[in-house]
Amino acid sequence: MVELADAPEEKQEQMVGALVRFSIADLPYNEKADTLTRAYLDGGVLSQKHWHDLAHIAYATLCKCRYLVSCDTTHMAREQTQTRVEKINKTLRYPTPQILTPLELLEKLQ
């Protein structure tokens, strides 16, 4: 929701409409997710500037998502990020979602 608030007004309207239409809810604060996000930060997955991206990965990890889809190929959907997340999750005994772009997911599912 923080990222949504930073989006241009037109995008905010589109996203809010989609949230309502598909009954998508904001996940509540989770102390484990906060701790895991901090572990990713401390482990150098991404910088403090990308805290919200790290939180997305943490929530996807804790929810045992198989995939995390992101259009952000600069930070999120790239091999280096995947490798760093896997290393930390393995140490903490968490499964790791595969971070993919939408097109990569579509290819994988075909």
PDB file of N, CA and C in Angstrom:
ATOM      1  N   MET A   1       0.829  -1.188   0.000  1.00  0.00           N
ATOM      2  CA  MET A   1       0.000   0.000   0.000  1.00  0.00           C
ATOM      3  C   MET A   1       0.876   1.256   0.000  1.00  0.00           C
ATOM      4  N   VAL A   2       2.055   1.160   0.602  1.00  0.00           N
ATOM      5  CA  VAL A   2       2.966   2.306   0.614  1.00  0.00           C
ATOM      6  C   VAL A   2       3.384   2.636  -0.815  1.00  0.00           C
ATOM      7  N   GLU A   3       3.721   1.618  -1.590  1.00  0.00           N
ATOM      8  CA  GLU A   3       4.120   1.848  -2.970  1.00  0.00           C
ATOM      9  C   GLU A   3       2.953   2.393  -3.789  1.00  0.00           C
ATOM     10  N   LEU A   4       1.761   1.941  -3.508  1.00  0.00           N
ATOM     11  CA  LEU A   4       0.580   2.425  -4.206  1.00  0.00           C
ATOM     12  C   LEU A   4       0.394   3.917  -3.955  1.00  0.00           C
ATOM     13  N   ALA A   5       0.645   4.347  -2.729  1.00  0.00           N
ATOM     14  CA  ALA A   5       0.505   5.761  -2.381  1.00  0.00           C
ATOM     15  C   ALA A   5       1.512   6.630  -3.137  1.00  0.00           C
ATOM     16  N   ASP A   6       2.639   6.039  -3.531  1.00  0.00           N
ATOM     17  CA  ASP A   6       3.667   6.787  -4.261  1.00  0.00           C
ATOM     18  C   ASP A   6       3.442   6.789  -5.774  1.00  0.00           C
ATOM     19  N   ALA A   7       2.489   6.005  -6.252  1.00  0.00           N
ATOM     20  CA  ALA A   7       2.232   5.892  -7.694  1.00  0.00           C
ATOM     21  C   ALA A   7       1.480   7.118  -8.200  1.00  0.00           C
ATOM     22  N   PRO A   8       1.558   7.375  -9.511  1.00  0.00           N
ATOM     23  CA  PRO A   8       0.777   8.472 -10.093  1.00  0.00           C
ATOM     24  C   PRO A   8      -0.716   8.229  -9.854  1.00  0.00           C
ATOM     25  N   GLU A   9      -1.480   9.308  -9.784  1.00  0.00           N
ATOM     26  CA  GLU A   9      -2.904   9.213  -9.434  1.00  0.00           C
ATOM     27  C   GLU A   9      -3.682   8.257 -10.349  1.00  0.00           C
ATOM     28  N   GLU A  10      -3.396   8.296 -11.640  1.00  0.00           N
ATOM     29  CA  GLU A  10      -4.099   7.414 -12.583  1.00  0.00           C
ATOM     30  C   GLU A  10      -3.849   5.939 -12.241  1.00  0.00           C
ATOM     31  N   LYS A  11      -2.597   5.607 -11.928  1.00  0.00           N
ATOM     32  CA  LYS A  11      -2.252   4.232 -11.563  1.00  0.00           C
ATOM     33  C   LYS A  11      -2.916   3.850 -10.246  1.00  0.00           C
ATOM     34  N   GLN A  12      -2.976   4.791  -9.305  1.00  0.00           N
ATOM     35  CA  GLN A  12      -3.628   4.516  -8.022  1.00  0.00           C
ATOM     36  C   GLN A  12      -5.081   4.117  -8.249  1.00  0.00           C
ATOM     37  N   GLU A  13      -5.771   4.862  -9.096  1.00  0.00           N
ATOM     38  CA  GLU A  13      -7.183   4.569  -9.365  1.00  0.00           C
ATOM     39  C   GLU A  13      -7.341   3.196  -9.993  1.00  0.00           C
ATOM     40  N   GLN A  14      -6.474   2.861 -10.943  1.00  0.00           N
ATOM     41  CA  GLN A  14      -6.536   1.549 -11.588  1.00  0.00           C
ATOM     42  C   GLN A  14      -6.295   0.430 -10.574  1.00  0.00           C
ATOM     43  N   MET A  15      -5.290   0.600  -9.744  1.00  0.00           N
ATOM     44  CA  MET A  15      -4.934  -0.442  -8.784  1.00  0.00           C
ATOM     45  C   MET A  15      -5.996  -0.593  -7.705  1.00  0.00           C
ATOM     46  N   VAL A  16      -6.522   0.500  -7.204  1.00  0.00           N
ATOM     47  CA  VAL A  16      -7.574   0.417  -6.195  1.00  0.00           C
ATOM     48  C   VAL A  16      -8.790  -0.299  -6.783  1.00  0.00           C
ATOM     49  N   GLY A  17      -9.117   0.003  -8.038  1.00  0.00           N
ATOM     50  CA  GLY A  17     -10.215  -0.687  -8.708  1.00  0.00           C
ATOM     51  C   GLY A  17      -9.967  -2.186  -8.783  1.00  0.00           C
ATOM     52  N   ALA A  18      -8.745  -2.573  -9.121  1.00  0.00           N
ATOM     53  CA  ALA A  18      -8.394  -3.995  -9.198  1.00  0.00           C
ATOM     54  C   ALA A  18      -8.436  -4.645  -7.817  1.00  0.00           C
ATOM     55  N   LEU A  19      -7.969  -3.943  -6.800  1.00  0.00           N
ATOM     56  CA  LEU A  19      -7.988  -4.483  -5.440  1.00  0.00           C
ATOM     57  C   LEU A  19      -9.415  -4.797  -5.002  1.00  0.00           C
ATOM     58  N   VAL A  20     -10.323  -3.884  -5.315  1.00  0.00           N
ATOM     59  CA  VAL A  20     -11.732  -4.072  -4.953  1.00  0.00           C
ATOM     60  C   VAL A  20     -12.354  -5.181  -5.797  1.00  0.00           C
ATOM     61  N   ARG A  21     -12.125  -5.133  -7.091  1.00  0.00           N
ATOM     62  CA  ARG A  21     -12.737  -6.101  -8.012  1.00  0.00           C
ATOM     63  C   ARG A  21     -12.321  -7.536  -7.685  1.00  0.00           C
ATOM     64  N   PHE A  22     -11.052  -7.733  -7.324  1.00  0.00           N
ATOM     65  CA  PHE A  22     -10.555  -9.083  -7.058  1.00  0.00           C
ATOM     66  C   PHE A  22     -10.468  -9.406  -5.564  1.00  0.00           C
ATOM     67  N   SER A  23     -11.024  -8.545  -4.726  1.00  0.00           N
ATOM     68  CA  SER A  23     -11.034  -8.756  -3.267  1.00  0.00           C
ATOM     69  C   SER A  23      -9.633  -9.013  -2.715  1.00  0.00           C
ATOM     70  N   ILE A  24      -8.685  -8.195  -3.156  1.00  0.00           N
ATOM     71  CA  ILE A  24      -7.306  -8.319  -2.688  1.00  0.00           C
ATOM     72  C   ILE A  24      -7.136  -7.452  -1.449  1.00  0.00           C
ATOM     73  N   ALA A  25      -6.579  -8.042  -0.418  1.00  0.00           N
ATOM     74  CA  ALA A  25      -6.395  -7.317   0.842  1.00  0.00           C
ATOM     75  C   ALA A  25      -4.914  -7.104   1.129  1.00  0.00           C
ATOM     76  N   ASP A  26      -4.628  -6.039   1.830  1.00  0.00           N
ATOM     77  CA  ASP A  26      -3.284  -5.759   2.300  1.00  0.00           C
ATOM     78  C   ASP A  26      -2.982  -6.718   3.442  1.00  0.00           C
ATOM     79  N   LEU A  27      -1.817  -7.348   3.416  1.00  0.00           N
ATOM     80  CA  LEU A  27      -1.462  -8.255   4.501  1.00  0.00           C
ATOM     81  C   LEU A  27      -1.133  -7.448   5.757  1.00  0.00           C
ATOM     82  N   PRO A  28      -1.567  -7.912   6.914  1.00  0.00           N
ATOM     83  CA  PRO A  28      -1.268  -7.187   8.149  1.00  0.00           C
ATOM     84  C   PRO A  28       0.210  -7.304   8.505  1.00  0.00           C
ATOM     85  N   TYR A  29       0.651  -6.405   9.360  1.00  0.00           N
ATOM     86  CA  TYR A  29       2.034  -6.449   9.847  1.00  0.00           C
ATOM     87  C   TYR A  29       2.307  -7.820  10.441  1.00  0.00           C
ATOM     88  N   ASN A  30       3.498  -8.339  10.166  1.00  0.00           N
ATOM     89  CA  ASN A  30       3.895  -9.648  10.658  1.00  0.00           C
ATOM     90  C   ASN A  30       5.324  -9.530  11.173  1.00  0.00           C
ATOM     91  N   GLU A  31       5.523  -9.817  12.435  1.00  0.00           N
ATOM     92  CA  GLU A  31       6.851  -9.668  13.040  1.00  0.00           C
ATOM     93  C   GLU A  31       7.879 -10.591  12.382  1.00  0.00           C
ATOM     94  N   LYS A  32       7.470 -11.806  12.027  1.00  0.00           N
ATOM     95  CA  LYS A  32       8.396 -12.724  11.344  1.00  0.00           C
ATOM     96  C   LYS A  32       8.822 -12.160   9.995  1.00  0.00           C
ATOM     97  N   ALA A  33       7.879 -11.553   9.285  1.00  0.00           N
ATOM     98  CA  ALA A  33       8.203 -10.961   7.979  1.00  0.00           C
ATOM     99  C   ALA A  33       9.163  -9.793   8.159  1.00  0.00           C
ATOM    100  N   ASP A  34       8.956  -9.011   9.197  1.00  0.00           N
ATOM    101  CA  ASP A  34       9.848  -7.891   9.471  1.00  0.00           C
ATOM    102  C   ASP A  34      11.260  -8.400   9.781  1.00  0.00           C
ATOM    103  N   THR A  35      11.349  -9.451  10.573  1.00  0.00           N
ATOM    104  CA  THR A  35      12.649 -10.041  10.921  1.00  0.00           C
ATOM    105  C   THR A  35      13.336 -10.615   9.683  1.00  0.00           C
ATOM    106  N   LEU A  36      12.558 -11.298   8.834  1.00  0.00           N
ATOM    107  CA  LEU A  36      13.125 -11.872   7.621  1.00  0.00           C
ATOM    108  C   LEU A  36      13.555 -10.767   6.652  1.00  0.00           C
ATOM    109  N   THR A  37      12.782  -9.714   6.561  1.00  0.00           N
ATOM    110  CA  THR A  37      13.153  -8.572   5.720  1.00  0.00           C
ATOM    111  C   THR A  37      14.494  -8.003   6.191  1.00  0.00           C
ATOM    112  N   ARG A  38      14.646  -7.873   7.492  1.00  0.00           N
ATOM    113  CA  ARG A  38      15.908  -7.371   8.059  1.00  0.00           C
ATOM    114  C   ARG A  38      17.063  -8.327   7.734  1.00  0.00           C
ATOM    115  N   ALA A  39      16.810  -9.636   7.779  1.00  0.00           N
ATOM    116  CA  ALA A  39      17.857 -10.619   7.434  1.00  0.00           C
ATOM    117  C   ALA A  39      18.280 -10.447   5.971  1.00  0.00           C
ATOM    118  N   TYR A  40      17.312 -10.204   5.086  1.00  0.00           N
ATOM    119  CA  TYR A  40      17.652  -9.966   3.683  1.00  0.00           C
ATOM    120  C   TYR A  40      18.484  -8.695   3.535  1.00  0.00           C
ATOM    121  N   LEU A  41      18.106  -7.669   4.266  1.00  0.00           N
ATOM    122  CA  LEU A  41      18.855  -6.419   4.214  1.00  0.00           C
ATOM    123  C   LEU A  41      20.281  -6.642   4.725  1.00  0.00           C
ATOM    124  N   ASP A  42      20.394  -7.273   5.891  1.00  0.00           N
ATOM    125  CA  ASP A  42      21.710  -7.541   6.485  1.00  0.00           C
ATOM    126  C   ASP A  42      22.547  -8.470   5.610  1.00  0.00           C
ATOM    127  N   GLY A  43      21.872  -9.357   4.868  1.00  0.00           N
ATOM    128  CA  GLY A  43      22.568 -10.293   3.985  1.00  0.00           C
ATOM    129  C   GLY A  43      22.924  -9.711   2.629  1.00  0.00           C
ATOM    130  N   GLY A  44      22.589  -8.449   2.411  1.00  0.00           N
ATOM    131  CA  GLY A  44      22.972  -7.772   1.176  1.00  0.00           C
ATOM    132  C   GLY A  44      22.155  -8.164  -0.041  1.00  0.00           C
ATOM    133  N   VAL A  45      20.937  -8.679   0.178  1.00  0.00           N
ATOM    134  CA  VAL A  45      20.090  -9.025  -0.976  1.00  0.00           C
ATOM    135  C   VAL A  45      19.826  -7.774  -1.798  1.00  0.00           C
ATOM    136  N   LEU A  46      19.341  -6.740  -1.151  1.00  0.00           N
ATOM    137  CA  LEU A  46      19.138  -5.420  -1.750  1.00  0.00           C
ATOM    138  C   LEU A  46      19.446  -4.381  -0.677  1.00  0.00           C
ATOM    139  N   SER A  47      19.464  -3.117  -1.048  1.00  0.00           N
ATOM    140  CA  SER A  47      19.788  -2.053  -0.090  1.00  0.00           C
ATOM    141  C   SER A  47      18.541  -1.583   0.676  1.00  0.00           C
ATOM    142  N   GLN A  48      18.769  -0.779   1.686  1.00  0.00           N
ATOM    143  CA  GLN A  48      17.694  -0.198   2.499  1.00  0.00           C
ATOM    144  C   GLN A  48      16.660   0.524   1.625  1.00  0.00           C
ATOM    145  N   LYS A  49      17.130   1.103   0.546  1.00  0.00           N
ATOM    146  CA  LYS A  49      16.249   1.815  -0.388  1.00  0.00           C
ATOM    147  C   LYS A  49      15.155   0.887  -0.932  1.00  0.00           C
ATOM    148  N   HIS A  50      15.419  -0.404  -0.942  1.00  0.00           N
ATOM    149  CA  HIS A  50      14.492  -1.391  -1.498  1.00  0.00           C
ATOM    150  C   HIS A  50      13.827  -2.229  -0.409  1.00  0.00           C
ATOM    151  N   TRP A  51      13.618  -1.615   0.746  1.00  0.00           N
ATOM    152  CA  TRP A  51      12.991  -2.301   1.892  1.00  0.00           C
ATOM    153  C   TRP A  51      11.674  -2.962   1.507  1.00  0.00           C
ATOM    154  N   HIS A  52      10.832  -2.251   0.757  1.00  0.00           N
ATOM    155  CA  HIS A  52       9.519  -2.796   0.396  1.00  0.00           C
ATOM    156  C   HIS A  52       9.644  -4.004  -0.529  1.00  0.00           C
ATOM    157  N   ASP A  53      10.624  -4.004  -1.408  1.00  0.00           N
ATOM    158  CA  ASP A  53      10.866  -5.174  -2.250  1.00  0.00           C
ATOM    159  C   ASP A  53      11.278  -6.361  -1.384  1.00  0.00           C
ATOM    160  N   LEU A  54      12.147  -6.111  -0.423  1.00  0.00           N
ATOM    161  CA  LEU A  54      12.577  -7.172   0.487  1.00  0.00           C
ATOM    162  C   LEU A  54      11.403  -7.704   1.311  1.00  0.00           C
ATOM    163  N   ALA A  55      10.524  -6.802   1.712  1.00  0.00           N
ATOM    164  CA  ALA A  55       9.331  -7.222   2.463  1.00  0.00           C
ATOM    165  C   ALA A  55       8.433  -8.096   1.593  1.00  0.00           C
ATOM    166  N   HIS A  56       8.299  -7.765   0.308  1.00  0.00           N
ATOM    167  CA  HIS A  56       7.511  -8.597  -0.603  1.00  0.00           C
ATOM    168  C   HIS A  56       8.085 -10.010  -0.647  1.00  0.00           C
ATOM    169  N   ILE A  57       9.397 -10.099  -0.730  1.00  0.00           N
ATOM    170  CA  ILE A  57      10.049 -11.411  -0.776  1.00  0.00           C
ATOM    171  C   ILE A  57       9.814 -12.154   0.546  1.00  0.00           C
ATOM    172  N   ALA A  58       9.921 -11.436   1.655  1.00  0.00           N
ATOM    173  CA  ALA A  58       9.715 -12.060   2.964  1.00  0.00           C
ATOM    174  C   ALA A  58       8.298 -12.602   3.114  1.00  0.00           C
ATOM    175  N   TYR A  59       7.326 -11.811   2.748  1.00  0.00           N
ATOM    176  CA  TYR A  59       5.932 -12.280   2.847  1.00  0.00           C
ATOM    177  C   TYR A  59       5.694 -13.467   1.919  1.00  0.00           C
ATOM    178  N   ALA A  60       6.222 -13.412   0.698  1.00  0.00           N
ATOM    179  CA  ALA A  60       6.055 -14.532  -0.234  1.00  0.00           C
ATOM    180  C   ALA A  60       6.714 -15.791   0.327  1.00  0.00           C
ATOM    181  N   THR A  61       7.863 -15.621   0.966  1.00  0.00           N
ATOM    182  CA  THR A  61       8.560 -16.747   1.586  1.00  0.00           C
ATOM    183  C   THR A  61       7.726 -17.343   2.709  1.00  0.00           C
ATOM    184  N   LEU A  62       7.270 -16.501   3.617  1.00  0.00           N
ATOM    185  CA  LEU A  62       6.517 -16.991   4.777  1.00  0.00           C
ATOM    186  C   LEU A  62       5.155 -17.576   4.392  1.00  0.00           C
ATOM    187  N   CYS A  63       4.591 -17.085   3.312  1.00  0.00           N
ATOM    188  CA  CYS A  63       3.306 -17.625   2.820  1.00  0.00           C
ATOM    189  C   CYS A  63       3.519 -18.866   1.952  1.00  0.00           C
ATOM    190  N   LYS A  64       4.789 -19.253   1.802  1.00  0.00           N
ATOM    191  CA  LYS A  64       5.169 -20.435   1.026  1.00  0.00           C
ATOM    192  C   LYS A  64       4.678 -20.365  -0.421  1.00  0.00           C
ATOM    193  N   CYS A  65       4.802 -19.157  -0.984  1.00  0.00           N
ATOM    194  CA  CYS A  65       4.447 -18.975  -2.388  1.00  0.00           C
ATOM    195  C   CYS A  65       5.476 -19.703  -3.262  1.00  0.00           C
ATOM    196  N   ARG A  66       4.992 -20.291  -4.296  1.00  0.00           N
ATOM    197  CA  ARG A  66       5.891 -20.962  -5.229  1.00  0.00           C
ATOM    198  C   ARG A  66       6.593 -19.945  -6.126  1.00  0.00           C
ATOM    199  N   TYR A  67       5.852 -18.888  -6.500  1.00  0.00           N
ATOM    200  CA  TYR A  67       6.391 -17.855  -7.370  1.00  0.00           C
ATOM    201  C   TYR A  67       6.099 -16.477  -6.793  1.00  0.00           C
ATOM    202  N   LEU A  68       7.009 -15.553  -7.061  1.00  0.00           N
ATOM    203  CA  LEU A  68       6.808 -14.134  -6.779  1.00  0.00           C
ATOM    204  C   LEU A  68       7.024 -13.429  -8.109  1.00  0.00           C
ATOM    205  N   VAL A  69       5.985 -12.778  -8.605  1.00  0.00           N
ATOM    206  CA  VAL A  69       6.051 -12.149  -9.926  1.00  0.00           C
ATOM    207  C   VAL A  69       6.337 -10.662  -9.770  1.00  0.00           C
ATOM    208  N   SER A  70       7.320 -10.191 -10.532  1.00  0.00           N
ATOM    209  CA  SER A  70       7.696  -8.784 -10.495  1.00  0.00           C
ATOM    210  C   SER A  70       8.161  -8.342 -11.881  1.00  0.00           C
ATOM    211  N   CYS A  71       7.788  -7.134 -12.251  1.00  0.00           N
ATOM    212  CA  CYS A  71       8.269  -6.548 -13.508  1.00  0.00           C
ATOM    213  C   CYS A  71       9.622  -5.875 -13.318  1.00  0.00           C
ATOM    214  N   ASP A  72      10.085  -5.795 -12.094  1.00  0.00           N
ATOM    215  CA  ASP A  72      11.329  -5.098 -11.764  1.00  0.00           C
ATOM    216  C   ASP A  72      12.532  -6.008 -12.032  1.00  0.00           C
ATOM    217  N   THR A  73      13.071  -5.906 -13.239  1.00  0.00           N
ATOM    218  CA  THR A  73      14.240  -6.719 -13.588  1.00  0.00           C
ATOM    219  C   THR A  73      15.553  -6.066 -13.165  1.00  0.00           C
ATOM    220  N   THR A  74      15.474  -4.854 -12.664  1.00  0.00           N
ATOM    221  CA  THR A  74      16.674  -4.165 -12.188  1.00  0.00           C
ATOM    222  C   THR A  74      17.070  -4.651 -10.800  1.00  0.00           C
ATOM    223  N   HIS A  75      16.075  -4.953  -9.962  1.00  0.00           N
ATOM    224  CA  HIS A  75      16.363  -5.351  -8.586  1.00  0.00           C
ATOM    225  C   HIS A  75      15.788  -6.712  -8.204  1.00  0.00           C
ATOM    226  N   MET A  76      14.519  -6.910  -8.468  1.00  0.00           N
ATOM    227  CA  MET A  76      13.837  -8.102  -7.969  1.00  0.00           C
ATOM    228  C   MET A  76      14.064  -9.348  -8.826  1.00  0.00           C
ATOM    229  N   ALA A  77      13.581  -9.315 -10.047  1.00  0.00           N
ATOM    230  CA  ALA A  77      13.581 -10.497 -10.911  1.00  0.00           C
ATOM    231  C   ALA A  77      14.915 -10.628 -11.634  1.00  0.00           C
ATOM    232  N   ARG A  78      15.939 -10.939 -10.863  1.00  0.00           N
ATOM    233  CA  ARG A  78      17.257 -11.155 -11.458  1.00  0.00           C
ATOM    234  C   ARG A  78      17.975 -12.253 -10.684  1.00  0.00           C
ATOM    235  N   GLU A  79      18.895 -12.901 -11.330  1.00  0.00           N
ATOM    236  CA  GLU A  79      19.561 -14.076 -10.761  1.00  0.00           C
ATOM    237  C   GLU A  79      20.293 -13.764  -9.457  1.00  0.00           C
ATOM    238  N   GLN A  80      20.954 -12.633  -9.387  1.00  0.00           N
ATOM    239  CA  GLN A  80      21.718 -12.276  -8.184  1.00  0.00           C
ATOM    240  C   GLN A  80      20.801 -12.175  -6.962  1.00  0.00           C
ATOM    241  N   THR A  81      19.644 -11.561  -7.125  1.00  0.00           N
ATOM    242  CA  THR A  81      18.696 -11.441  -6.016  1.00  0.00           C
ATOM    243  C   THR A  81      18.201 -12.823  -5.616  1.00  0.00           C
ATOM    244  N   GLN A  82      17.836 -13.644  -6.594  1.00  0.00           N
ATOM    245  CA  GLN A  82      17.356 -14.997  -6.327  1.00  0.00           C
ATOM    246  C   GLN A  82      18.391 -15.797  -5.538  1.00  0.00           C
ATOM    247  N   THR A  83      19.638 -15.739  -5.956  1.00  0.00           N
ATOM    248  CA  THR A  83      20.713 -16.487  -5.304  1.00  0.00           C
ATOM    249  C   THR A  83      20.903 -16.038  -3.861  1.00  0.00           C
ATOM    250  N   ARG A  84      20.890 -14.740  -3.628  1.00  0.00           N
ATOM    251  CA  ARG A  84      21.077 -14.219  -2.264  1.00  0.00           C
ATOM    252  C   ARG A  84      19.915 -14.604  -1.354  1.00  0.00           C
ATOM    253  N   VAL A  85      18.699 -14.540  -1.874  1.00  0.00           N
ATOM    254  CA  VAL A  85      17.524 -14.928  -1.089  1.00  0.00           C
ATOM    255  C   VAL A  85      17.601 -16.414  -0.754  1.00  0.00           C
ATOM    256  N   GLU A  86      17.936 -17.235  -1.738  1.00  0.00           N
ATOM    257  CA  GLU A  86      18.043 -18.682  -1.513  1.00  0.00           C
ATOM    258  C   GLU A  86      19.047 -18.998  -0.415  1.00  0.00           C
ATOM    259  N   LYS A  87      20.172 -18.313  -0.423  1.00  0.00           N
ATOM    260  CA  LYS A  87      21.222 -18.555   0.576  1.00  0.00           C
ATOM    261  C   LYS A  87      20.691 -18.268   1.993  1.00  0.00           C
ATOM    262  N   ILE A  88      20.042 -17.133   2.153  1.00  0.00           N
ATOM    263  CA  ILE A  88      19.510 -16.762   3.472  1.00  0.00           C
ATOM    264  C   ILE A  88      18.378 -17.691   3.870  1.00  0.00           C
ATOM    265  N   ASN A  89      17.469 -17.980   2.945  1.00  0.00           N
ATOM    266  CA  ASN A  89      16.352 -18.860   3.273  1.00  0.00           C
ATOM    267  C   ASN A  89      16.820 -20.272   3.622  1.00  0.00           C
ATOM    268  N   LYS A  90      17.836 -20.742   2.937  1.00  0.00           N
ATOM    269  CA  LYS A  90      18.377 -22.074   3.248  1.00  0.00           C
ATOM    270  C   LYS A  90      18.927 -22.102   4.665  1.00  0.00           C
ATOM    271  N   THR A  91      19.655 -21.067   5.030  1.00  0.00           N
ATOM    272  CA  THR A  91      20.209 -20.973   6.385  1.00  0.00           C
ATOM    273  C   THR A  91      19.095 -20.950   7.436  1.00  0.00           C
ATOM    274  N   LEU A  92      18.003 -20.233   7.127  1.00  0.00           N
ATOM    275  CA  LEU A  92      16.883 -20.099   8.070  1.00  0.00           C
ATOM    276  C   LEU A  92      15.830 -21.203   7.898  1.00  0.00           C
ATOM    277  N   ARG A  93      16.090 -22.121   6.970  1.00  0.00           N
ATOM    278  CA  ARG A  93      15.198 -23.265   6.701  1.00  0.00           C
ATOM    279  C   ARG A  93      13.817 -22.853   6.193  1.00  0.00           C
ATOM    280  N   TYR A  94      13.818 -21.880   5.309  1.00  0.00           N
ATOM    281  CA  TYR A  94      12.584 -21.445   4.653  1.00  0.00           C
ATOM    282  C   TYR A  94      12.624 -21.868   3.188  1.00  0.00           C
ATOM    283  N   PRO A  95      11.476 -22.197   2.614  1.00  0.00           N
ATOM    284  CA  PRO A  95      11.431 -22.421   1.163  1.00  0.00           C
ATOM    285  C   PRO A  95      11.602 -21.080   0.462  1.00  0.00           C
ATOM    286  N   THR A  96      12.077 -21.105  -0.757  1.00  0.00           N
ATOM    287  CA  THR A  96      12.309 -19.865  -1.488  1.00  0.00           C
ATOM    288  C   THR A  96      11.396 -19.787  -2.707  1.00  0.00           C
ATOM    289  N   PRO A  97      10.600 -18.727  -2.803  1.00  0.00           N
ATOM    290  CA  PRO A  97       9.797 -18.560  -4.017  1.00  0.00           C
ATOM    291  C   PRO A  97      10.714 -18.230  -5.192  1.00  0.00           C
ATOM    292  N   GLN A  98      10.334 -18.659  -6.351  1.00  0.00           N
ATOM    293  CA  GLN A  98      11.082 -18.296  -7.545  1.00  0.00           C
ATOM    294  C   GLN A  98      10.608 -16.915  -7.974  1.00  0.00           C
ATOM    295  N   ILE A  99      11.531 -15.972  -8.118  1.00  0.00           N
ATOM    296  CA  ILE A  99      11.191 -14.600  -8.486  1.00  0.00           C
ATOM    297  C   ILE A  99      11.285 -14.489 -10.005  1.00  0.00           C
ATOM    298  N   LEU A 100      10.138 -14.232 -10.623  1.00  0.00           N
ATOM    299  CA  LEU A 100      10.033 -14.222 -12.077  1.00  0.00           C
ATOM    300  C   LEU A 100       9.333 -12.974 -12.590  1.00  0.00           C
ATOM    301  N   THR A 101       9.589 -12.661 -13.854  1.00  0.00           N
ATOM    302  CA  THR A 101       8.793 -11.629 -14.523  1.00  0.00           C
ATOM    303  C   THR A 101       7.478 -12.287 -14.960  1.00  0.00           C
ATOM    304  N   PRO A 102       6.459 -11.503 -15.281  1.00  0.00           N
ATOM    305  CA  PRO A 102       5.204 -12.098 -15.760  1.00  0.00           C
ATOM    306  C   PRO A 102       5.406 -13.003 -16.977  1.00  0.00           C
ATOM    307  N   LEU A 103       6.243 -12.587 -17.922  1.00  0.00           N
ATOM    308  CA  LEU A 103       6.486 -13.411 -19.107  1.00  0.00           C
ATOM    309  C   LEU A 103       7.187 -14.713 -18.754  1.00  0.00           C
ATOM    310  N   GLU A 104       8.140 -14.663 -17.839  1.00  0.00           N
ATOM    311  CA  GLU A 104       8.820 -15.887 -17.415  1.00  0.00           C
ATOM    312  C   GLU A 104       7.840 -16.857 -16.766  1.00  0.00           C
ATOM    313  N   LEU A 105       6.921 -16.330 -15.981  1.00  0.00           N
ATOM    314  CA  LEU A 105       5.923 -17.195 -15.351  1.00  0.00           C
ATOM    315  C   LEU A 105       5.036 -17.839 -16.406  1.00  0.00           C
ATOM    316  N   LEU A 106       4.584 -17.052 -17.369  1.00  0.00           N
ATOM    317  CA  LEU A 106       3.737 -17.602 -18.430  1.00  0.00           C
ATOM    318  C   LEU A 106       4.464 -18.714 -19.189  1.00  0.00           C
ATOM    319  N   GLU A 107       5.746 -18.498 -19.480  1.00  0.00           N
ATOM    320  CA  GLU A 107       6.528 -19.530 -20.164  1.00  0.00           C
ATOM    321  C   GLU A 107       6.643 -20.784 -19.315  1.00  0.00           C
ATOM    322  N   LYS A 108       6.858 -20.604 -18.036  1.00  0.00           N
ATOM    323  CA  LYS A 108       7.015 -21.734 -17.119  1.00  0.00           C
ATOM    324  C   LYS A 108       5.727 -22.538 -17.006  1.00  0.00           C
ATOM    325  N   LEU A 109       4.591 -21.863 -17.039  1.00  0.00           N
ATOM    326  CA  LEU A 109       3.311 -22.523 -16.867  1.00  0.00           C
ATOM    327  C   LEU A 109       2.798 -23.192 -18.145  1.00  0.00           C
ATOM    328  N   GLN A 110       3.420 -22.915 -19.280  1.00  0.00           N
ATOM    329  CA  GLN A 110       2.971 -23.531 -20.545  1.00  0.00           C
ATOM    330  C   GLN A 110       3.560 -24.903 -20.731  1.00  0.00           C
TER     331      GLN A 110
END
